ModelCIF file with pLDDT and N, C-alpha, C, O atoms, coordinates in Angstrom:
data_MODEL
#
_entry.id   MODEL 
#
_entity.id                         1 
_entity.type                       polymer 
_entity.pdbx_number_of_molecules   1 
#
_entity_poly.entity_id                      1 
_entity_poly.type                           'polypeptide(L)' 
_entity_poly.nstd_linkage                   no 
_entity_poly.nstd_monomer                   no 
_entity_poly.pdbx_seq_one_letter_code       LVQAGGSLRLDCAASGGTSGTNDMAWFRQSSGKER 
_entity_poly.pdbx_seq_one_letter_code_can   LVQAGGSLRLDCAASGGTSGTNDMAWFRQSSGKER 
_entity_poly.pdbx_strand_id                 A 
#
loop_
_entity_poly_seq.entity_id 
_entity_poly_seq.num 
_entity_poly_seq.mon_id 
_entity_poly_seq.hetero 
1 1  LEU n 
1 2  VAL n 
1 3  GLN n 
1 4  ALA n 
1 5  GLY n 
1 6  GLY n 
1 7  SER n 
1 8  LEU n 
1 9  ARG n 
1 10 LEU n 
1 11 ASP n 
1 12 CYS n 
1 13 ALA n 
1 14 ALA n 
1 15 SER n 
1 16 GLY n 
1 17 GLY n 
1 18 THR n 
1 19 SER n 
1 20 GLY n 
1 21 THR n 
1 22 ASN n 
1 23 ASP n 
1 24 MET n 
1 25 ALA n 
1 26 TRP n 
1 27 PHE n 
1 28 ARG n 
1 29 GLN n 
1 30 SER n 
1 31 SER n 
1 32 GLY n 
1 33 LYS n 
1 34 GLU n 
1 35 ARG n 
#
_struct_asym.id          A 
_struct_asym.entity_id   1 
#
loop_
_ma_qa_metric.id 
_ma_qa_metric.mode 
_ma_qa_metric.name 
_ma_qa_metric.software_group_id 
_ma_qa_metric.type 
1 global pLDDT . pLDDT 
2 local  pLDDT . pLDDT 
#
_ma_qa_metric_global.metric_id      1 
_ma_qa_metric_global.metric_value   92.14 
_ma_qa_metric_global.model_id       1 
_ma_qa_metric_global.ordinal_id     1 
#
loop_
_ma_qa_metric_local.label_asym_id 
_ma_qa_metric_local.label_comp_id 
_ma_qa_metric_local.label_seq_id 
_ma_qa_metric_local.metric_id 
_ma_qa_metric_local.metric_value 
_ma_qa_metric_local.model_id 
_ma_qa_metric_local.ordinal_id 
A LEU 1  2 98.00 1 1  
A VAL 2  2 98.00 1 2  
A GLN 3  2 98.00 1 3  
A ALA 4  2 98.00 1 4  
A GLY 5  2 97.00 1 5  
A GLY 6  2 97.00 1 6  
A SER 7  2 98.00 1 7  
A LEU 8  2 98.00 1 8  
A ARG 9  2 98.00 1 9  
A LEU 10 2 98.00 1 10 
A ASP 11 2 98.00 1 11 
A CYS 12 2 97.00 1 12 
A ALA 13 2 95.00 1 13 
A ALA 14 2 93.00 1 14 
A SER 15 2 90.00 1 15 
A GLY 16 2 87.00 1 16 
A GLY 17 2 74.00 1 17 
A THR 18 2 69.00 1 18 
A SER 19 2 67.00 1 19 
A GLY 20 2 68.00 1 20 
A THR 21 2 77.00 1 21 
A ASN 22 2 86.00 1 22 
A ASP 23 2 92.00 1 23 
A MET 24 2 94.00 1 24 
A ALA 25 2 97.00 1 25 
A TRP 26 2 98.00 1 26 
A PHE 27 2 98.00 1 27 
A ARG 28 2 98.00 1 28 
A GLN 29 2 98.00 1 29 
A SER 30 2 97.00 1 30 
A SER 31 2 93.00 1 31 
A GLY 32 2 93.00 1 32 
A LYS 33 2 95.00 1 33 
A GLU 34 2 96.00 1 34 
A ARG 35 2 97.00 1 35 
#
loop_
_atom_site.group_PDB 
_atom_site.id 
_atom_site.type_symbol 
_atom_site.label_atom_id 
_atom_site.label_alt_id 
_atom_site.label_comp_id 
_atom_site.label_asym_id 
_atom_site.label_entity_id 
_atom_site.label_seq_id 
_atom_site.pdbx_PDB_ins_code 
_atom_site.Cartn_x 
_atom_site.Cartn_y 
_atom_site.Cartn_z 
_atom_site.occupancy 
_atom_site.B_iso_or_equiv 
_atom_site.pdbx_formal_charge 
_atom_site.auth_seq_id 
_atom_site.auth_comp_id 
_atom_site.auth_asym_id 
_atom_site.auth_atom_id 
_atom_site.pdbx_PDB_model_num 
ATOM 1   N N  . LEU A 1 1  ? 58.843 -164.655 -193.180 1.00 98.00 ? 1  LEU A N  1 
ATOM 2   C CA . LEU A 1 1  ? 58.037 -164.810 -191.976 1.00 98.00 ? 1  LEU A CA 1 
ATOM 3   C C  . LEU A 1 1  ? 56.988 -165.888 -192.215 1.00 98.00 ? 1  LEU A C  1 
ATOM 4   O O  . LEU A 1 1  ? 56.283 -165.863 -193.223 1.00 98.00 ? 1  LEU A O  1 
ATOM 5   N N  . VAL A 1 2  ? 56.890 -166.819 -191.300 1.00 98.00 ? 2  VAL A N  1 
ATOM 6   C CA . VAL A 1 2  ? 55.934 -167.908 -191.430 1.00 98.00 ? 2  VAL A CA 1 
ATOM 7   C C  . VAL A 1 2  ? 55.365 -168.230 -190.054 1.00 98.00 ? 2  VAL A C  1 
ATOM 8   O O  . VAL A 1 2  ? 56.034 -168.029 -189.040 1.00 98.00 ? 2  VAL A O  1 
ATOM 9   N N  . GLN A 1 3  ? 54.145 -168.723 -190.017 1.00 98.00 ? 3  GLN A N  1 
ATOM 10  C CA . GLN A 1 3  ? 53.541 -169.110 -188.751 1.00 98.00 ? 3  GLN A CA 1 
ATOM 11  C C  . GLN A 1 3  ? 54.037 -170.485 -188.328 1.00 98.00 ? 3  GLN A C  1 
ATOM 12  O O  . GLN A 1 3  ? 54.459 -171.292 -189.156 1.00 98.00 ? 3  GLN A O  1 
ATOM 13  N N  . ALA A 1 4  ? 53.981 -170.733 -187.052 1.00 98.00 ? 4  ALA A N  1 
ATOM 14  C CA . ALA A 1 4  ? 54.368 -172.044 -186.527 1.00 98.00 ? 4  ALA A CA 1 
ATOM 15  C C  . ALA A 1 4  ? 53.563 -173.135 -187.223 1.00 98.00 ? 4  ALA A C  1 
ATOM 16  O O  . ALA A 1 4  ? 52.355 -173.012 -187.424 1.00 98.00 ? 4  ALA A O  1 
ATOM 17  N N  . GLY A 1 5  ? 54.262 -174.198 -187.583 1.00 97.00 ? 5  GLY A N  1 
ATOM 18  C CA . GLY A 1 5  ? 53.640 -175.283 -188.317 1.00 97.00 ? 5  GLY A CA 1 
ATOM 19  C C  . GLY A 1 5  ? 53.746 -175.142 -189.821 1.00 97.00 ? 5  GLY A C  1 
ATOM 20  O O  . GLY A 1 5  ? 53.421 -176.071 -190.559 1.00 97.00 ? 5  GLY A O  1 
ATOM 21  N N  . GLY A 1 6  ? 54.196 -173.994 -190.277 1.00 97.00 ? 6  GLY A N  1 
ATOM 22  C CA . GLY A 1 6  ? 54.316 -173.735 -191.706 1.00 97.00 ? 6  GLY A CA 1 
ATOM 23  C C  . GLY A 1 6  ? 55.605 -174.270 -192.302 1.00 97.00 ? 6  GLY A C  1 
ATOM 24  O O  . GLY A 1 6  ? 56.397 -174.931 -191.631 1.00 97.00 ? 6  GLY A O  1 
ATOM 25  N N  . SER A 1 7  ? 55.796 -173.966 -193.585 1.00 98.00 ? 7  SER A N  1 
ATOM 26  C CA . SER A 1 7  ? 56.948 -174.475 -194.336 1.00 98.00 ? 7  SER A CA 1 
ATOM 27  C C  . SER A 1 7  ? 57.615 -173.360 -195.120 1.00 98.00 ? 7  SER A C  1 
ATOM 28  O O  . SER A 1 7  ? 56.982 -172.370 -195.488 1.00 98.00 ? 7  SER A O  1 
ATOM 29  N N  . LEU A 1 8  ? 58.897 -173.537 -195.367 1.00 98.00 ? 8  LEU A N  1 
ATOM 30  C CA . LEU A 1 8  ? 59.665 -172.651 -196.234 1.00 98.00 ? 8  LEU A CA 1 
ATOM 31  C C  . LEU A 1 8  ? 60.704 -173.475 -196.964 1.00 98.00 ? 8  LEU A C  1 
ATOM 32  O O  . LEU A 1 8  ? 61.128 -174.527 -196.487 1.00 98.00 ? 8  LEU A O  1 
ATOM 33  N N  . ARG A 1 9  ? 61.112 -172.988 -198.130 1.00 98.00 ? 9  ARG A N  1 
ATOM 34  C CA . ARG A 1 9  ? 62.236 -173.589 -198.820 1.00 98.00 ? 9  ARG A CA 1 
ATOM 35  C C  . ARG A 1 9  ? 63.300 -172.526 -199.047 1.00 98.00 ? 9  ARG A C  1 
ATOM 36  O O  . ARG A 1 9  ? 63.024 -171.456 -199.589 1.00 98.00 ? 9  ARG A O  1 
ATOM 37  N N  . LEU A 1 10 ? 64.501 -172.833 -198.631 1.00 98.00 ? 10 LEU A N  1 
ATOM 38  C CA . LEU A 1 10 ? 65.645 -171.957 -198.853 1.00 98.00 ? 10 LEU A CA 1 
ATOM 39  C C  . LEU A 1 10 ? 66.455 -172.463 -200.036 1.00 98.00 ? 10 LEU A C  1 
ATOM 40  O O  . LEU A 1 10 ? 66.658 -173.666 -200.203 1.00 98.00 ? 10 LEU A O  1 
ATOM 41  N N  . ASP A 1 11 ? 66.913 -171.525 -200.850 1.00 98.00 ? 11 ASP A N  1 
ATOM 42  C CA . ASP A 1 11 ? 67.789 -171.842 -201.977 1.00 98.00 ? 11 ASP A CA 1 
ATOM 43  C C  . ASP A 1 11 ? 69.148 -171.190 -201.758 1.00 98.00 ? 11 ASP A C  1 
ATOM 44  O O  . ASP A 1 11 ? 69.246 -170.134 -201.133 1.00 98.00 ? 11 ASP A O  1 
ATOM 45  N N  . CYS A 1 12 ? 70.182 -171.817 -202.270 1.00 97.00 ? 12 CYS A N  1 
ATOM 46  C CA . CYS A 1 12 ? 71.527 -171.248 -202.239 1.00 97.00 ? 12 CYS A CA 1 
ATOM 47  C C  . CYS A 1 12 ? 72.155 -171.471 -203.608 1.00 97.00 ? 12 CYS A C  1 
ATOM 48  O O  . CYS A 1 12 ? 72.485 -172.596 -203.983 1.00 97.00 ? 12 CYS A O  1 
ATOM 49  N N  . ALA A 1 13 ? 72.312 -170.381 -204.339 1.00 95.00 ? 13 ALA A N  1 
ATOM 50  C CA . ALA A 1 13 ? 72.909 -170.464 -205.669 1.00 95.00 ? 13 ALA A CA 1 
ATOM 51  C C  . ALA A 1 13 ? 74.405 -170.231 -205.576 1.00 95.00 ? 13 ALA A C  1 
ATOM 52  O O  . ALA A 1 13 ? 74.857 -169.228 -205.024 1.00 95.00 ? 13 ALA A O  1 
ATOM 53  N N  . ALA A 1 14 ? 75.171 -171.170 -206.123 1.00 93.00 ? 14 ALA A N  1 
ATOM 54  C CA . ALA A 1 14 ? 76.627 -171.073 -206.101 1.00 93.00 ? 14 ALA A CA 1 
ATOM 55  C C  . ALA A 1 14 ? 77.143 -170.692 -207.479 1.00 93.00 ? 14 ALA A C  1 
ATOM 56  O O  . ALA A 1 14 ? 76.612 -171.136 -208.497 1.00 93.00 ? 14 ALA A O  1 
ATOM 57  N N  . SER A 1 15 ? 78.188 -169.861 -207.503 1.00 90.00 ? 15 SER A N  1 
ATOM 58  C CA . SER A 1 15 ? 78.783 -169.457 -208.768 1.00 90.00 ? 15 SER A CA 1 
ATOM 59  C C  . SER A 1 15 ? 80.249 -169.123 -208.571 1.00 90.00 ? 15 SER A C  1 
ATOM 60  O O  . SER A 1 15 ? 80.729 -168.993 -207.444 1.00 90.00 ? 15 SER A O  1 
ATOM 61  N N  . GLY A 1 16 ? 80.969 -168.983 -209.713 1.00 87.00 ? 16 GLY A N  1 
ATOM 62  C CA . GLY A 1 16 ? 82.333 -168.488 -209.649 1.00 87.00 ? 16 GLY A CA 1 
ATOM 63  C C  . GLY A 1 16 ? 83.350 -169.448 -209.091 1.00 87.00 ? 16 GLY A C  1 
ATOM 64  O O  . GLY A 1 16 ? 83.798 -169.267 -207.958 1.00 87.00 ? 16 GLY A O  1 
ATOM 65  N N  . GLY A 1 17 ? 83.734 -170.463 -209.842 1.00 74.00 ? 17 GLY A N  1 
ATOM 66  C CA . GLY A 1 17 ? 84.820 -171.313 -209.393 1.00 74.00 ? 17 GLY A CA 1 
ATOM 67  C C  . GLY A 1 17 ? 84.379 -172.594 -208.719 1.00 74.00 ? 17 GLY A C  1 
ATOM 68  O O  . GLY A 1 17 ? 85.208 -173.324 -208.176 1.00 74.00 ? 17 GLY A O  1 
ATOM 69  N N  . THR A 1 18 ? 83.115 -172.874 -208.744 1.00 69.00 ? 18 THR A N  1 
ATOM 70  C CA . THR A 1 18 ? 82.652 -174.152 -208.216 1.00 69.00 ? 18 THR A CA 1 
ATOM 71  C C  . THR A 1 18 ? 81.963 -174.908 -209.331 1.00 69.00 ? 18 THR A C  1 
ATOM 72  O O  . THR A 1 18 ? 81.212 -174.335 -210.120 1.00 69.00 ? 18 THR A O  1 
ATOM 73  N N  . SER A 1 19 ? 82.228 -176.195 -209.385 1.00 67.00 ? 19 SER A N  1 
ATOM 74  C CA . SER A 1 19 ? 81.656 -177.028 -210.449 1.00 67.00 ? 19 SER A CA 1 
ATOM 75  C C  . SER A 1 19 ? 80.395 -177.728 -210.002 1.00 67.00 ? 19 SER A C  1 
ATOM 76  O O  . SER A 1 19 ? 79.825 -178.516 -210.757 1.00 67.00 ? 19 SER A O  1 
ATOM 77  N N  . GLY A 1 20 ? 79.943 -177.457 -208.781 1.00 68.00 ? 20 GLY A N  1 
ATOM 78  C CA . GLY A 1 20 ? 78.765 -178.139 -208.275 1.00 68.00 ? 20 GLY A CA 1 
ATOM 79  C C  . GLY A 1 20 ? 79.080 -179.471 -207.645 1.00 68.00 ? 20 GLY A C  1 
ATOM 80  O O  . GLY A 1 20 ? 78.174 -180.257 -207.369 1.00 68.00 ? 20 GLY A O  1 
ATOM 81  N N  . THR A 1 21 ? 80.362 -179.742 -207.412 1.00 77.00 ? 21 THR A N  1 
ATOM 82  C CA . THR A 1 21 ? 80.748 -181.026 -206.847 1.00 77.00 ? 21 THR A CA 1 
ATOM 83  C C  . THR A 1 21 ? 81.451 -180.869 -205.508 1.00 77.00 ? 21 THR A C  1 
ATOM 84  O O  . THR A 1 21 ? 82.295 -181.687 -205.143 1.00 77.00 ? 21 THR A O  1 
ATOM 85  N N  . ASN A 1 22 ? 81.106 -179.831 -204.787 1.00 86.00 ? 22 ASN A N  1 
ATOM 86  C CA . ASN A 1 22 ? 81.684 -179.630 -203.460 1.00 86.00 ? 22 ASN A CA 1 
ATOM 87  C C  . ASN A 1 22 ? 80.695 -180.054 -202.382 1.00 86.00 ? 22 ASN A C  1 
ATOM 88  O O  . ASN A 1 22 ? 79.482 -180.017 -202.590 1.00 86.00 ? 22 ASN A O  1 
ATOM 89  N N  . ASP A 1 23 ? 81.217 -180.452 -201.238 1.00 92.00 ? 23 ASP A N  1 
ATOM 90  C CA . ASP A 1 23 ? 80.368 -180.705 -200.089 1.00 92.00 ? 23 ASP A CA 1 
ATOM 91  C C  . ASP A 1 23 ? 79.802 -179.378 -199.594 1.00 92.00 ? 23 ASP A C  1 
ATOM 92  O O  . ASP A 1 23 ? 80.521 -178.383 -199.504 1.00 92.00 ? 23 ASP A O  1 
ATOM 93  N N  . MET A 1 24 ? 78.514 -179.372 -199.274 1.00 94.00 ? 24 MET A N  1 
ATOM 94  C CA . MET A 1 24 ? 77.864 -178.129 -198.855 1.00 94.00 ? 24 MET A CA 1 
ATOM 95  C C  . MET A 1 24 ? 76.980 -178.367 -197.645 1.00 94.00 ? 24 MET A C  1 
ATOM 96  O O  . MET A 1 24 ? 76.648 -179.506 -197.320 1.00 94.00 ? 24 MET A O  1 
ATOM 97  N N  . ALA A 1 25 ? 76.604 -177.287 -196.985 1.00 97.00 ? 25 ALA A N  1 
ATOM 98  C CA . ALA A 1 25 ? 75.833 -177.416 -195.757 1.00 97.00 ? 25 ALA A CA 1 
ATOM 99  C C  . ALA A 1 25 ? 75.024 -176.160 -195.490 1.00 97.00 ? 25 ALA A C  1 
ATOM 100 O O  . ALA A 1 25 ? 75.246 -175.107 -196.088 1.00 97.00 ? 25 ALA A O  1 
ATOM 101 N N  . TRP A 1 26 ? 74.092 -176.306 -194.586 1.00 98.00 ? 26 TRP A N  1 
ATOM 102 C CA . TRP A 1 26 ? 73.336 -175.183 -194.026 1.00 98.00 ? 26 TRP A CA 1 
ATOM 103 C C  . TRP A 1 26 ? 73.669 -175.071 -192.535 1.00 98.00 ? 26 TRP A C  1 
ATOM 104 O O  . TRP A 1 26 ? 73.761 -176.067 -191.817 1.00 98.00 ? 26 TRP A O  1 
ATOM 105 N N  . PHE A 1 27 ? 73.846 -173.831 -192.102 1.00 98.00 ? 27 PHE A N  1 
ATOM 106 C CA . PHE A 1 27 ? 74.012 -173.510 -190.697 1.00 98.00 ? 27 PHE A CA 1 
ATOM 107 C C  . PHE A 1 27 ? 72.986 -172.439 -190.361 1.00 98.00 ? 27 PHE A C  1 
ATOM 108 O O  . PHE A 1 27 ? 72.392 -171.835 -191.254 1.00 98.00 ? 27 PHE A O  1 
ATOM 109 N N  . ARG A 1 28 ? 72.783 -172.211 -189.088 1.00 98.00 ? 28 ARG A N  1 
ATOM 110 C CA . ARG A 1 28 ? 71.899 -171.126 -188.687 1.00 98.00 ? 28 ARG A CA 1 
ATOM 111 C C  . ARG A 1 28 ? 72.423 -170.458 -187.427 1.00 98.00 ? 28 ARG A C  1 
ATOM 112 O O  . ARG A 1 28 ? 73.125 -171.064 -186.617 1.00 98.00 ? 28 ARG A O  1 
ATOM 113 N N  . GLN A 1 29 ? 72.059 -169.194 -187.289 1.00 98.00 ? 29 GLN A N  1 
ATOM 114 C CA . GLN A 1 29 ? 72.518 -168.423 -186.144 1.00 98.00 ? 29 GLN A CA 1 
ATOM 115 C C  . GLN A 1 29 ? 71.374 -167.573 -185.612 1.00 98.00 ? 29 GLN A C  1 
ATOM 116 O O  . GLN A 1 29 ? 70.847 -166.704 -186.305 1.00 98.00 ? 29 GLN A O  1 
ATOM 117 N N  . SER A 1 30 ? 71.006 -167.843 -184.371 1.00 97.00 ? 30 SER A N  1 
ATOM 118 C CA . SER A 1 30 ? 69.996 -167.042 -183.691 1.00 97.00 ? 30 SER A CA 1 
ATOM 119 C C  . SER A 1 30 ? 70.673 -165.877 -182.993 1.00 97.00 ? 30 SER A C  1 
ATOM 120 O O  . SER A 1 30 ? 71.879 -165.902 -182.748 1.00 97.00 ? 30 SER A O  1 
ATOM 121 N N  . SER A 1 31 ? 69.900 -164.869 -182.680 1.00 93.00 ? 31 SER A N  1 
ATOM 122 C CA . SER A 1 31 ? 70.449 -163.664 -182.055 1.00 93.00 ? 31 SER A CA 1 
ATOM 123 C C  . SER A 1 31 ? 71.163 -164.008 -180.757 1.00 93.00 ? 31 SER A C  1 
ATOM 124 O O  . SER A 1 31 ? 70.580 -164.632 -179.870 1.00 93.00 ? 31 SER A O  1 
ATOM 125 N N  . GLY A 1 32 ? 72.417 -163.606 -180.642 1.00 93.00 ? 32 GLY A N  1 
ATOM 126 C CA . GLY A 1 32 ? 73.177 -163.820 -179.431 1.00 93.00 ? 32 GLY A CA 1 
ATOM 127 C C  . GLY A 1 32 ? 73.741 -165.218 -179.257 1.00 93.00 ? 32 GLY A C  1 
ATOM 128 O O  . GLY A 1 32 ? 74.308 -165.531 -178.211 1.00 93.00 ? 32 GLY A O  1 
ATOM 129 N N  . LYS A 1 33 ? 73.594 -166.058 -180.265 1.00 95.00 ? 33 LYS A N  1 
ATOM 130 C CA . LYS A 1 33 ? 74.064 -167.436 -180.166 1.00 95.00 ? 33 LYS A CA 1 
ATOM 131 C C  . LYS A 1 33 ? 75.095 -167.738 -181.238 1.00 95.00 ? 33 LYS A C  1 
ATOM 132 O O  . LYS A 1 33 ? 75.277 -166.975 -182.186 1.00 95.00 ? 33 LYS A O  1 
ATOM 133 N N  . GLU A 1 34 ? 75.765 -168.868 -181.066 1.00 96.00 ? 34 GLU A N  1 
ATOM 134 C CA . GLU A 1 34 ? 76.746 -169.292 -182.051 1.00 96.00 ? 34 GLU A CA 1 
ATOM 135 C C  . GLU A 1 34 ? 76.047 -169.841 -183.299 1.00 96.00 ? 34 GLU A C  1 
ATOM 136 O O  . GLU A 1 34 ? 74.862 -170.174 -183.282 1.00 96.00 ? 34 GLU A O  1 
ATOM 137 N N  . ARG A 1 35 ? 76.821 -169.919 -184.371 1.00 97.00 ? 35 ARG A N  1 
ATOM 138 C CA . ARG A 1 35 ? 76.301 -170.479 -185.613 1.00 97.00 ? 35 ARG A CA 1 
ATOM 139 C C  . ARG A 1 35 ? 76.287 -172.003 -185.498 1.00 97.00 ? 35 ARG A C  1 
ATOM 140 O O  . ARG A 1 35 ? 75.884 -172.690 -186.438 1.00 97.00 ? 35 ARG A O  1 
#
């Protein structure tokens, strides 16, 4: 939870069969909406 105007950093740790050389992305999904 953050106030408007604030900042956050998201991390995504990958493991198990990936060498760290894959294309990756972030998506988001709001309630009742598509990703």
